[in-house]
N, C-alpha and C. Protein backbone atom coordinates (compact mmCIF):
# COMPACT_ATOMS: atom_id res chain seq x y z
N MET A 1 87.42 25.85 33.57
CA MET A 1 86.83 26.04 34.88
C MET A 1 87.55 27.16 35.63
N SER A 2 88.87 27.08 35.81
CA SER A 2 89.60 28.17 36.47
C SER A 2 91.05 28.16 36.01
N THR A 3 91.68 29.29 36.14
CA THR A 3 93.10 29.43 35.88
C THR A 3 93.73 29.87 37.19
N SER A 4 94.78 29.19 37.60
CA SER A 4 95.39 29.55 38.87
C SER A 4 96.72 30.27 38.63
N THR A 5 97.10 31.03 39.63
CA THR A 5 98.34 31.79 39.63
C THR A 5 99.14 31.41 40.86
N LEU A 6 100.43 31.26 40.71
CA LEU A 6 101.30 31.03 41.87
C LEU A 6 101.75 32.39 42.37
N GLY A 7 101.68 32.57 43.68
CA GLY A 7 102.04 33.85 44.25
C GLY A 7 102.38 33.75 45.71
N VAL A 8 102.00 34.78 46.45
CA VAL A 8 102.39 34.93 47.85
C VAL A 8 101.18 35.33 48.69
N TYR A 9 101.08 34.73 49.85
CA TYR A 9 100.10 35.15 50.86
C TYR A 9 100.89 36.02 51.81
N LEU A 10 100.67 37.33 51.76
CA LEU A 10 101.42 38.31 52.55
C LEU A 10 100.55 38.78 53.70
N ARG A 11 101.07 38.64 54.93
CA ARG A 11 100.33 39.03 56.13
C ARG A 11 101.16 40.00 56.95
N PHE A 12 100.48 41.02 57.48
CA PHE A 12 101.10 41.95 58.42
C PHE A 12 100.30 41.92 59.72
N PHE A 13 100.98 42.05 60.86
CA PHE A 13 100.34 42.00 62.17
C PHE A 13 100.68 43.27 62.95
N MET A 14 99.67 43.85 63.62
CA MET A 14 99.88 45.06 64.42
C MET A 14 98.78 45.18 65.46
N HIS A 15 99.00 46.04 66.48
CA HIS A 15 97.92 46.35 67.42
C HIS A 15 96.92 47.25 66.71
N GLU A 16 95.65 47.07 67.03
CA GLU A 16 94.61 47.78 66.28
C GLU A 16 94.67 49.29 66.45
N ASN A 17 95.24 49.81 67.51
CA ASN A 17 95.28 51.26 67.71
C ASN A 17 96.54 51.92 67.15
N ARG A 18 97.42 51.16 66.54
CA ARG A 18 98.67 51.71 66.01
C ARG A 18 98.39 52.59 64.79
N ARG A 19 99.05 53.73 64.76
CA ARG A 19 98.83 54.70 63.69
C ARG A 19 100.12 54.99 62.93
N HIS A 20 99.94 55.45 61.69
CA HIS A 20 101.04 55.88 60.84
C HIS A 20 100.54 57.08 60.04
N HIS A 21 101.25 58.20 60.15
CA HIS A 21 100.82 59.45 59.52
C HIS A 21 99.39 59.81 59.94
N GLY A 22 99.04 59.55 61.20
CA GLY A 22 97.73 59.92 61.73
C GLY A 22 96.59 59.00 61.35
N VAL A 23 96.87 57.94 60.62
CA VAL A 23 95.85 57.00 60.15
C VAL A 23 96.11 55.66 60.83
N LEU A 24 95.05 54.93 61.14
CA LEU A 24 95.26 53.58 61.68
C LEU A 24 96.14 52.80 60.70
N LEU A 25 97.14 52.09 61.23
CA LEU A 25 98.12 51.43 60.38
C LEU A 25 97.49 50.42 59.43
N TYR A 26 96.50 49.68 59.89
CA TYR A 26 95.87 48.71 58.98
C TYR A 26 95.16 49.42 57.83
N GLU A 27 94.57 50.59 58.10
CA GLU A 27 93.96 51.36 57.02
C GLU A 27 95.02 51.90 56.06
N TRP A 28 96.14 52.36 56.62
CA TRP A 28 97.23 52.88 55.80
C TRP A 28 97.74 51.78 54.86
N LEU A 29 97.94 50.57 55.40
CA LEU A 29 98.42 49.45 54.57
C LEU A 29 97.46 49.15 53.42
N LEU A 30 96.17 49.12 53.72
CA LEU A 30 95.17 48.85 52.68
C LEU A 30 95.16 49.95 51.62
N ARG A 31 95.26 51.19 52.04
CA ARG A 31 95.27 52.31 51.09
C ARG A 31 96.52 52.28 50.21
N GLU A 32 97.66 52.01 50.81
CA GLU A 32 98.91 51.95 50.04
C GLU A 32 98.87 50.81 49.04
N ALA A 33 98.33 49.66 49.45
CA ALA A 33 98.22 48.52 48.54
C ALA A 33 97.34 48.89 47.35
N LYS A 34 96.26 49.59 47.61
CA LYS A 34 95.37 50.00 46.52
C LYS A 34 96.11 50.95 45.57
N LYS A 35 96.89 51.88 46.11
CA LYS A 35 97.68 52.79 45.28
C LYS A 35 98.68 52.04 44.41
N LEU A 36 99.20 50.92 44.93
CA LEU A 36 100.17 50.11 44.19
C LEU A 36 99.50 49.22 43.14
N GLY A 37 98.18 49.23 43.10
CA GLY A 37 97.47 48.42 42.12
C GLY A 37 97.15 47.01 42.58
N ILE A 38 97.33 46.74 43.85
CA ILE A 38 97.00 45.42 44.39
C ILE A 38 95.48 45.30 44.42
N ALA A 39 94.97 44.19 43.88
CA ALA A 39 93.53 44.03 43.63
C ALA A 39 92.68 43.97 44.90
N GLY A 40 93.23 43.53 46.01
CA GLY A 40 92.42 43.45 47.22
C GLY A 40 93.23 43.10 48.44
N GLY A 41 92.70 43.45 49.58
CA GLY A 41 93.32 43.14 50.86
C GLY A 41 92.24 43.18 51.92
N THR A 42 92.49 42.53 53.05
CA THR A 42 91.49 42.45 54.11
C THR A 42 92.18 42.58 55.46
N ALA A 43 91.53 43.32 56.37
CA ALA A 43 92.00 43.42 57.76
C ALA A 43 91.09 42.58 58.64
N PHE A 44 91.71 41.78 59.51
CA PHE A 44 90.98 40.92 60.44
C PHE A 44 91.37 41.30 61.86
N ARG A 45 90.40 41.39 62.74
CA ARG A 45 90.65 41.71 64.15
C ARG A 45 90.63 40.41 64.95
N SER A 46 91.59 40.24 65.82
CA SER A 46 91.68 39.02 66.62
C SER A 46 90.76 39.08 67.83
N ILE A 47 90.49 37.92 68.39
CA ILE A 47 89.73 37.89 69.64
C ILE A 47 90.64 37.56 70.82
N ALA A 48 91.79 36.93 70.56
CA ALA A 48 92.75 36.64 71.61
C ALA A 48 94.08 36.26 70.98
N GLY A 49 95.15 36.47 71.73
CA GLY A 49 96.46 36.07 71.26
C GLY A 49 97.57 36.68 72.09
N TYR A 50 98.81 36.28 71.79
CA TYR A 50 99.96 36.87 72.44
C TYR A 50 101.09 36.94 71.42
N GLY A 51 102.02 37.83 71.66
CA GLY A 51 103.14 38.03 70.75
C GLY A 51 104.46 37.67 71.40
N ARG A 52 105.53 38.22 70.84
CA ARG A 52 106.88 37.86 71.27
C ARG A 52 107.17 38.19 72.72
N HIS A 53 106.42 39.12 73.32
CA HIS A 53 106.64 39.49 74.72
C HIS A 53 105.83 38.62 75.68
N GLY A 54 105.00 37.74 75.13
CA GLY A 54 104.24 36.80 75.95
C GLY A 54 103.03 37.40 76.65
N VAL A 55 102.67 38.63 76.33
CA VAL A 55 101.51 39.28 76.96
C VAL A 55 100.24 38.84 76.23
N MET A 56 99.28 38.31 77.01
CA MET A 56 98.02 37.86 76.44
C MET A 56 97.11 39.06 76.24
N HIS A 57 96.52 39.15 75.05
CA HIS A 57 95.54 40.18 74.72
C HIS A 57 94.24 39.49 74.36
N GLU A 58 93.16 39.91 75.00
CA GLU A 58 91.86 39.33 74.71
C GLU A 58 90.83 40.44 74.56
N ALA A 59 89.91 40.25 73.63
CA ALA A 59 88.84 41.22 73.43
C ALA A 59 87.73 40.92 74.43
N HIS A 60 87.42 41.90 75.27
CA HIS A 60 86.31 41.80 76.22
C HIS A 60 85.37 42.96 75.96
N PHE A 61 84.10 42.73 76.16
CA PHE A 61 83.09 43.73 75.85
C PHE A 61 83.35 45.06 76.55
N LEU A 62 83.69 45.05 77.82
CA LEU A 62 83.85 46.28 78.59
C LEU A 62 85.29 46.79 78.62
N GLU A 63 86.20 46.07 78.03
CA GLU A 63 87.61 46.45 78.04
C GLU A 63 87.86 47.55 77.00
N LEU A 64 88.82 48.41 77.30
CA LEU A 64 89.18 49.43 76.32
C LEU A 64 89.74 48.78 75.07
N ALA A 65 89.31 49.24 73.93
CA ALA A 65 89.78 48.69 72.66
C ALA A 65 91.18 49.20 72.35
N GLY A 66 91.85 48.52 71.43
CA GLY A 66 93.11 49.03 70.95
C GLY A 66 94.28 48.09 71.07
N GLN A 67 94.24 47.13 71.98
CA GLN A 67 95.38 46.25 72.17
C GLN A 67 95.26 44.93 71.43
N GLU A 68 94.10 44.66 70.84
CA GLU A 68 93.96 43.42 70.09
C GLU A 68 94.80 43.52 68.81
N THR A 69 95.17 42.38 68.30
CA THR A 69 95.96 42.32 67.08
C THR A 69 95.05 42.41 65.86
N VAL A 70 95.53 43.15 64.86
CA VAL A 70 94.87 43.19 63.56
C VAL A 70 95.84 42.54 62.57
N ARG A 71 95.30 41.69 61.72
CA ARG A 71 96.08 41.05 60.66
C ARG A 71 95.58 41.58 59.33
N VAL A 72 96.49 42.04 58.49
CA VAL A 72 96.13 42.52 57.16
C VAL A 72 96.70 41.54 56.16
N ASP A 73 95.82 40.98 55.32
CA ASP A 73 96.19 39.92 54.38
C ASP A 73 96.07 40.38 52.94
N PHE A 74 97.05 39.95 52.15
CA PHE A 74 97.03 40.15 50.71
C PHE A 74 97.42 38.84 50.06
N ILE A 75 96.71 38.41 49.03
CA ILE A 75 97.11 37.26 48.23
C ILE A 75 97.46 37.83 46.87
N VAL A 76 98.76 37.83 46.56
CA VAL A 76 99.29 38.60 45.44
C VAL A 76 100.38 37.84 44.69
N THR A 77 100.81 38.41 43.57
CA THR A 77 101.96 37.87 42.87
C THR A 77 103.22 38.19 43.67
N ALA A 78 104.30 37.51 43.37
CA ALA A 78 105.57 37.79 44.06
C ALA A 78 106.01 39.23 43.83
N GLU A 79 105.78 39.74 42.64
CA GLU A 79 106.16 41.13 42.33
C GLU A 79 105.35 42.12 43.16
N GLU A 80 104.05 41.87 43.30
CA GLU A 80 103.21 42.75 44.10
C GLU A 80 103.61 42.70 45.57
N ALA A 81 103.94 41.50 46.06
CA ALA A 81 104.38 41.37 47.44
C ALA A 81 105.66 42.17 47.67
N GLU A 82 106.58 42.10 46.72
CA GLU A 82 107.84 42.84 46.84
C GLU A 82 107.59 44.35 46.85
N LYS A 83 106.66 44.82 46.00
CA LYS A 83 106.31 46.26 45.98
C LYS A 83 105.75 46.69 47.34
N MET A 84 104.89 45.86 47.92
CA MET A 84 104.28 46.20 49.20
C MET A 84 105.32 46.19 50.31
N MET A 85 106.19 45.20 50.30
CA MET A 85 107.26 45.14 51.30
C MET A 85 108.18 46.36 51.17
N GLN A 86 108.51 46.73 49.94
CA GLN A 86 109.37 47.89 49.71
C GLN A 86 108.71 49.17 50.23
N ARG A 87 107.40 49.27 50.06
CA ARG A 87 106.68 50.46 50.55
C ARG A 87 106.77 50.56 52.06
N VAL A 88 106.64 49.43 52.75
CA VAL A 88 106.75 49.39 54.22
C VAL A 88 108.17 49.79 54.64
N VAL A 89 109.18 49.29 53.94
CA VAL A 89 110.57 49.62 54.23
C VAL A 89 110.82 51.12 54.02
N GLU A 90 110.30 51.67 52.93
CA GLU A 90 110.46 53.10 52.66
C GLU A 90 109.91 53.95 53.80
N GLU A 91 108.85 53.49 54.43
CA GLU A 91 108.23 54.23 55.53
C GLU A 91 108.91 53.95 56.87
N LYS A 92 109.92 53.08 56.86
CA LYS A 92 110.68 52.73 58.06
C LYS A 92 109.79 52.18 59.19
N LEU A 93 108.80 51.39 58.79
CA LEU A 93 107.89 50.79 59.76
C LEU A 93 108.51 49.54 60.37
N GLN A 94 108.34 49.38 61.66
CA GLN A 94 108.72 48.13 62.32
C GLN A 94 107.43 47.32 62.40
N LEU A 95 107.36 46.23 61.64
CA LEU A 95 106.11 45.53 61.46
C LEU A 95 106.38 44.04 61.26
N PHE A 96 105.71 43.20 62.06
CA PHE A 96 105.85 41.75 61.90
C PHE A 96 105.07 41.32 60.67
N TYR A 97 105.65 40.43 59.87
CA TYR A 97 104.99 39.96 58.65
C TYR A 97 105.25 38.48 58.46
N ALA A 98 104.46 37.90 57.56
CA ALA A 98 104.67 36.51 57.13
C ALA A 98 104.40 36.46 55.63
N LYS A 99 105.25 35.74 54.90
CA LYS A 99 105.06 35.50 53.47
C LYS A 99 105.00 34.00 53.27
N LEU A 100 103.91 33.55 52.67
CA LEU A 100 103.70 32.13 52.44
C LEU A 100 103.43 31.90 50.96
N PRO A 101 103.86 30.77 50.42
CA PRO A 101 103.53 30.47 49.02
C PRO A 101 102.02 30.28 48.89
N ALA A 102 101.48 30.72 47.77
CA ALA A 102 100.04 30.61 47.56
C ALA A 102 99.73 30.30 46.10
N GLU A 103 98.68 29.56 45.91
CA GLU A 103 98.09 29.36 44.59
C GLU A 103 96.71 29.99 44.68
N PHE A 104 96.40 30.86 43.72
CA PHE A 104 95.11 31.53 43.81
C PHE A 104 94.49 31.68 42.42
N GLY A 105 93.20 31.88 42.42
CA GLY A 105 92.45 32.05 41.18
C GLY A 105 90.98 32.20 41.49
N VAL A 106 90.17 32.20 40.46
CA VAL A 106 88.73 32.32 40.59
C VAL A 106 88.10 31.09 39.96
N LEU A 107 87.27 30.40 40.72
CA LEU A 107 86.52 29.27 40.18
C LEU A 107 85.29 29.82 39.47
N ASP A 108 85.08 29.39 38.26
CA ASP A 108 83.91 29.82 37.49
C ASP A 108 83.15 28.58 37.08
N CYS A 109 82.24 28.18 37.93
CA CYS A 109 81.49 26.95 37.71
C CYS A 109 80.09 27.23 37.16
N ALA A 110 79.84 28.45 36.74
CA ALA A 110 78.52 28.81 36.20
C ALA A 110 78.30 28.09 34.88
N LYS A 111 77.09 27.61 34.71
CA LYS A 111 76.74 26.93 33.47
C LYS A 111 76.24 27.94 32.46
N ASP A 112 76.55 27.71 31.22
CA ASP A 112 76.11 28.62 30.14
C ASP A 112 74.64 28.52 29.89
């Protein structure tokens, strides 16, 4: 039915307007992960939240964009997570992250 892999759920958090080398940081992270051979990643935009400074950020229709948080997620092997973390360190980025244990795989319930 399926084979599972033990790995890491790697998450990075940033403001949506933050840039690195002229590119939105969440786009840069996704591109770098692809270059490293990581099979997939996803960026999610928040609707509300606050960080370590306690400032509330909320998405409003007429409000200027850019201050909402974007979360970039990767579900990867421990080795892939380490490669991605090393890439962020090499770029000297100050970036909040979370690493969580994960079991992942593909369910194949199709009948022959």
